[in-house]
C-alpha atoms as a PDB file:
ATOM      1  CA  MET A   1      -0.139  -0.385   0.157  1.00  0.00           C
ATOM      2  CA  LYS A   2       2.599   2.278   0.923  1.00  0.00           C
ATOM      3  CA  ASN A   3       4.286   2.199  -2.537  1.00  0.00           C
ATOM      4  CA  THR A   4       1.172   2.849  -4.757  1.00  0.00           C
ATOM      5  CA  VAL A   5       0.900   5.833  -2.497  1.00  0.00           C
ATOM      6  CA  LYS A   6       4.079   6.772  -3.223  1.00  0.00           C
ATOM      7  CA  LYS A   7       3.727   6.639  -6.839  1.00  0.00           C
ATOM      8  CA  CYS A   8       0.678   8.492  -6.988  1.00  0.00           C
ATOM      9  CA  ILE A   9       2.553  11.253  -5.417  1.00  0.00           C
ATOM     10  CA  GLY A  10       4.987  11.064  -7.612  1.00  0.00           C
ATOM     11  CA  LEU A  11       2.652  11.094 -10.601  1.00  0.00           C
ATOM     12  CA  TYR A  12       1.087  14.108  -8.618  1.00  0.00           C
ATOM     13  CA  GLY A  13       4.402  15.726  -8.845  1.00  0.00           C
ATOM     14  CA  VAL A  14       4.930  14.856 -12.597  1.00  0.00           C
ATOM     15  CA  ALA A  15       1.317  15.988 -13.795  1.00  0.00           C
ATOM     16  CA  SER A  16       2.278  19.159 -11.263  1.00  0.00           C
ATOM     17  CA  ALA A  17       5.644  19.629 -13.121  1.00  0.00           C
ATOM     18  CA  VAL A  18       3.688  19.361 -16.649  1.00  0.00           C
ATOM     19  CA  VAL A  19       0.875  22.016 -15.736  1.00  0.00           C
ATOM     20  CA  LEU A  20       4.319  24.849 -14.817  1.00  0.00           C
ATOM     21  CA  SER A  21       5.878  23.694 -17.811  1.00  0.00           C
ATOM     22  CA  VAL A  22       2.899  24.318 -20.029  1.00  0.00           C
ATOM     23  CA  VAL A  23       2.154  27.593 -18.036  1.00  0.00           C
ATOM     24  CA  ILE A  24       6.205  28.626 -19.050  1.00  0.00           C
ATOM     25  CA  ALA A  25       5.487  27.598 -22.342  1.00  0.00           C
ATOM     26  CA  THR A  26       2.398  29.690 -22.598  1.00  0.00           C
ATOM     27  CA  ALA A  27       4.239  32.905 -21.460  1.00  0.00           C
ATOM     28  CA  ALA A  28       7.024  32.057 -23.479  1.00  0.00           C
ATOM     29  CA  THR A  29       4.770  32.146 -26.853  1.00  0.00           C
ATOM     30  CA  HIS A  30       3.333  35.682 -25.423  1.00  0.00           C
ATOM     31  CA  GLY A  31       0.303  33.663 -24.512  1.00  0.00           C
ATOM     32  CA  THR A  32      -1.887  35.115 -21.424  1.00  0.00           C
ATOM     33  CA  VAL A  33      -0.869  33.991 -17.968  1.00  0.00           C
ATOM     34  CA  SER A  34      -1.932  35.343 -14.596  1.00  0.00           C
ATOM     35  CA  THR A  35      -0.218  35.696 -11.413  1.00  0.00           C
ATOM     36  CA  PHE A  36      -2.526  33.563  -9.937  1.00  0.00           C
ATOM     37  CA  MET A  37      -1.603  30.593 -12.467  1.00  0.00           C
ATOM     38  CA  TRP A  38       2.313  31.142 -11.857  1.00  0.00           C
ATOM     39  CA  VAL A  39       2.082  30.971  -7.784  1.00  0.00           C
ATOM     40  CA  ARG A  40      -0.533  27.947  -8.286  1.00  0.00           C
ATOM     41  CA  SER A  41       1.695  26.056 -10.416  1.00  0.00           C
ATOM     42  CA  VAL A  42       4.633  26.621  -8.487  1.00  0.00           C
ATOM     43  CA  LEU A  43       3.411  25.820  -5.139  1.00  0.00           C
ATOM     44  CA  LEU A  44       1.159  22.957  -6.026  1.00  0.00           C
ATOM     45  CA  LEU A  45       4.921  21.683  -7.396  1.00  0.00           C
ATOM     46  CA  ALA A  46       6.669  22.582  -4.229  1.00  0.00           C
ATOM     47  CA  ILE A  47       4.376  20.689  -2.172  1.00  0.00           C
ATOM     48  CA  THR A  48       5.165  17.264  -3.129  1.00  0.00           C
ATOM     49  CA  PRO A  49       7.688  16.633  -1.370  1.00  0.00           C
ATOM     50  CA  VAL A  50       6.091  17.296   1.797  1.00  0.00           C
ATOM     51  CA  LEU A  51       3.500  14.891   0.771  1.00  0.00           C
ATOM     52  CA  TYR A  52       5.961  12.525   0.984  1.00  0.00           C
ATOM     53  CA  ARG A  53       6.830  12.931   4.677  1.00  0.00           C
ATOM     54  CA  LEU A  54       3.517  13.393   5.841  1.00  0.00           C
ATOM     55  CA  SER A  55       2.293  11.219   8.491  1.00  0.00           C
ATOM     56  CA  GLU A  56      -0.602   8.944   7.412  1.00  0.00           C
ATOM     57  CA  GLN A  57      -3.353  10.858   9.412  1.00  0.00           C
ATOM     58  CA  ARG A  58      -2.040  14.529   7.912  1.00  0.00           C
ATOM     59  CA  LEU A  59      -1.888  12.744   4.327  1.00  0.00           C
ATOM     60  CA  ARG A  60      -5.638  11.402   4.539  1.00  0.00           C
ATOM     61  CA  THR A  61      -6.493  15.093   5.335  1.00  0.00           C
ATOM     62  CA  LEU A  62      -4.568  17.024   3.117  1.00  0.00           C
ATOM     63  CA  THR A  63      -5.325  14.569  -0.170  1.00  0.00           C
ATOM     64  CA  THR A  64      -9.071  14.810   0.818  1.00  0.00           C
ATOM     65  CA  VAL A  65      -9.291  18.377   1.149  1.00  0.00           C
ATOM     66  CA  LEU A  66      -6.680  19.524  -2.004  1.00  0.00           C
ATOM     67  CA  PRO A  67      -8.536  18.191  -4.462  1.00  0.00           C
ATOM     68  CA  ILE A  68     -11.817  19.686  -3.210  1.00  0.00           C
ATOM     69  CA  ALA A  69      -9.951  23.092  -2.700  1.00  0.00           C
ATOM     70  CA  ILE A  70      -8.162  22.966  -6.142  1.00  0.00           C
ATOM     71  CA  ILE A  71     -11.434  22.328  -8.468  1.00  0.00           C
ATOM     72  CA  GLY A  72     -13.544  24.493  -6.374  1.00  0.00           C
ATOM     73  CA  VAL A  73     -11.317  27.329  -6.822  1.00  0.00           C
ATOM     74  CA  ASP A  74     -10.676  26.738 -10.444  1.00  0.00           C
ATOM     75  CA  LEU A  75     -14.784  27.134 -10.654  1.00  0.00           C
ATOM     76  CA  ILE A  76     -15.249  30.362 -10.166  1.00  0.00           C
ATOM     77  CA  PRO A  77     -15.806  32.036 -13.232  1.00  0.00           C
ATOM     78  CA  GLY A  78     -12.882  34.306 -13.945  1.00  0.00           C
ATOM     79  CA  VAL A  79      -9.669  32.785 -12.212  1.00  0.00           C
ATOM     80  CA  CYS A  80      -7.973  31.571 -14.860  1.00  0.00           C
ATOM     81  CA  PRO A  81      -8.533  29.445 -18.377  1.00  0.00           C
ATOM     82  CA  VAL A  82     -10.336  26.517 -19.133  1.00  0.00           C
ATOM     83  CA  TRP A  83      -7.333  24.513 -20.205  1.00  0.00           C
ATOM     84  CA  PHE A  84      -5.950  25.795 -16.966  1.00  0.00           C
ATOM     85  CA  ALA A  85      -8.467  24.334 -14.798  1.00  0.00           C
ATOM     86  CA  ALA A  86      -8.597  21.432 -16.886  1.00  0.00           C
ATOM     87  CA  LEU A  87      -5.119  20.829 -15.902  1.00  0.00           C
ATOM     88  CA  GLN A  88      -5.186  21.228 -12.583  1.00  0.00           C
ATOM     89  CA  ALA A  89      -8.175  18.708 -12.463  1.00  0.00           C
ATOM     90  CA  ALA A  90      -5.951  16.112 -13.631  1.00  0.00           C
ATOM     91  CA  SER A  91      -3.185  16.927 -11.849  1.00  0.00           C
ATOM     92  CA  VAL A  92      -5.140  15.987  -8.600  1.00  0.00           C
ATOM     93  CA  ILE A  93      -6.360  12.459  -9.944  1.00  0.00           C
ATOM     94  CA  PRO A  94      -3.426  10.839  -7.959  1.00  0.00           C
ATOM     95  CA  LEU A  95      -4.296  12.634  -4.689  1.00  0.00           C
ATOM     96  CA  ILE A  96      -7.899  11.671  -5.251  1.00  0.00           C
ATOM     97  CA  ALA A  97      -6.606   7.764  -5.661  1.00  0.00           C
ATOM     98  CA  VAL A  98      -4.506   7.877  -2.128  1.00  0.00           C
ATOM     99  CA  ALA A  99      -7.318   9.701  -0.451  1.00  0.00           C
ATOM    100  CA  VAL A 100      -9.587   6.662  -1.484  1.00  0.00           C
ATOM    101  CA  MET A 101      -6.746   3.726  -0.563  1.00  0.00           C
ATOM    102  CA  ILE A 102      -5.916   5.813   2.827  1.00  0.00           C
ATOM    103  CA  ARG A 103      -9.499   5.802   3.597  1.00  0.00           C
ATOM    104  CA  ARG A 104     -10.068   2.361   2.658  1.00  0.00           C
ATOM    105  CA  GLN A 105      -7.865   1.094   5.355  1.00  0.00           C
ATOM    106  CA  PRO A 106      -8.034   0.929   8.861  1.00  0.00           C
ATOM    107  CA  ALA A 107      -6.410   4.055  10.520  1.00  0.00           C
ATOM    108  CA  GLU A 108      -3.370   2.814  13.007  1.00  0.00           C
ATOM    109  CA  GLY A 109      -4.483   2.253  16.489  1.00  0.00           C
ATOM    110  CA  THR A 110      -7.670   1.002  15.699  1.00  0.00           C
ATOM    111  CA  ARG A 111      -9.309  -2.326  16.417  1.00  0.00           C
ATOM    112  CA  THR A 112     -10.642  -4.168  13.678  1.00  0.00           C
ATOM    113  CA  ALA A 113     -13.159  -7.169  13.864  1.00  0.00           C
ATOM    114  CA  CYS A 114     -10.820  -9.337  12.950  1.00  0.00           C
ATOM    115  CA  ASP A 115      -8.177  -8.724  15.774  1.00  0.00           C
ATOM    116  CA  GLY A 116      -9.323 -11.070  18.105  1.00  0.00           C
ATOM    117  CA  SER A 117      -8.995  -7.821  20.590  1.00  0.00           C
END
């Protein structure tokens, strides 16, 4: 399970790097890129190493809240172009997978019916 979670976090990092690369390419070709897009792309890529080090409980919370926050902000009209919102939504799919995997396993320190306790 831990290896799969780490792979998903790595995939999220790659997807975030792709989003930042597209923002850079758009700016280099004189396309419209807002400060919001720059800051958002850099910060979401920068949190990838932090996600690797989080405890399971904090990772459970963050991977549940972060996708909702990212998609929710992108849905506000005029905040960002549709292509940027689509890339951001696609980049959080691995985090949604992590949230599902972590929530399906029992939390550490809890007893289950199979423990015999």
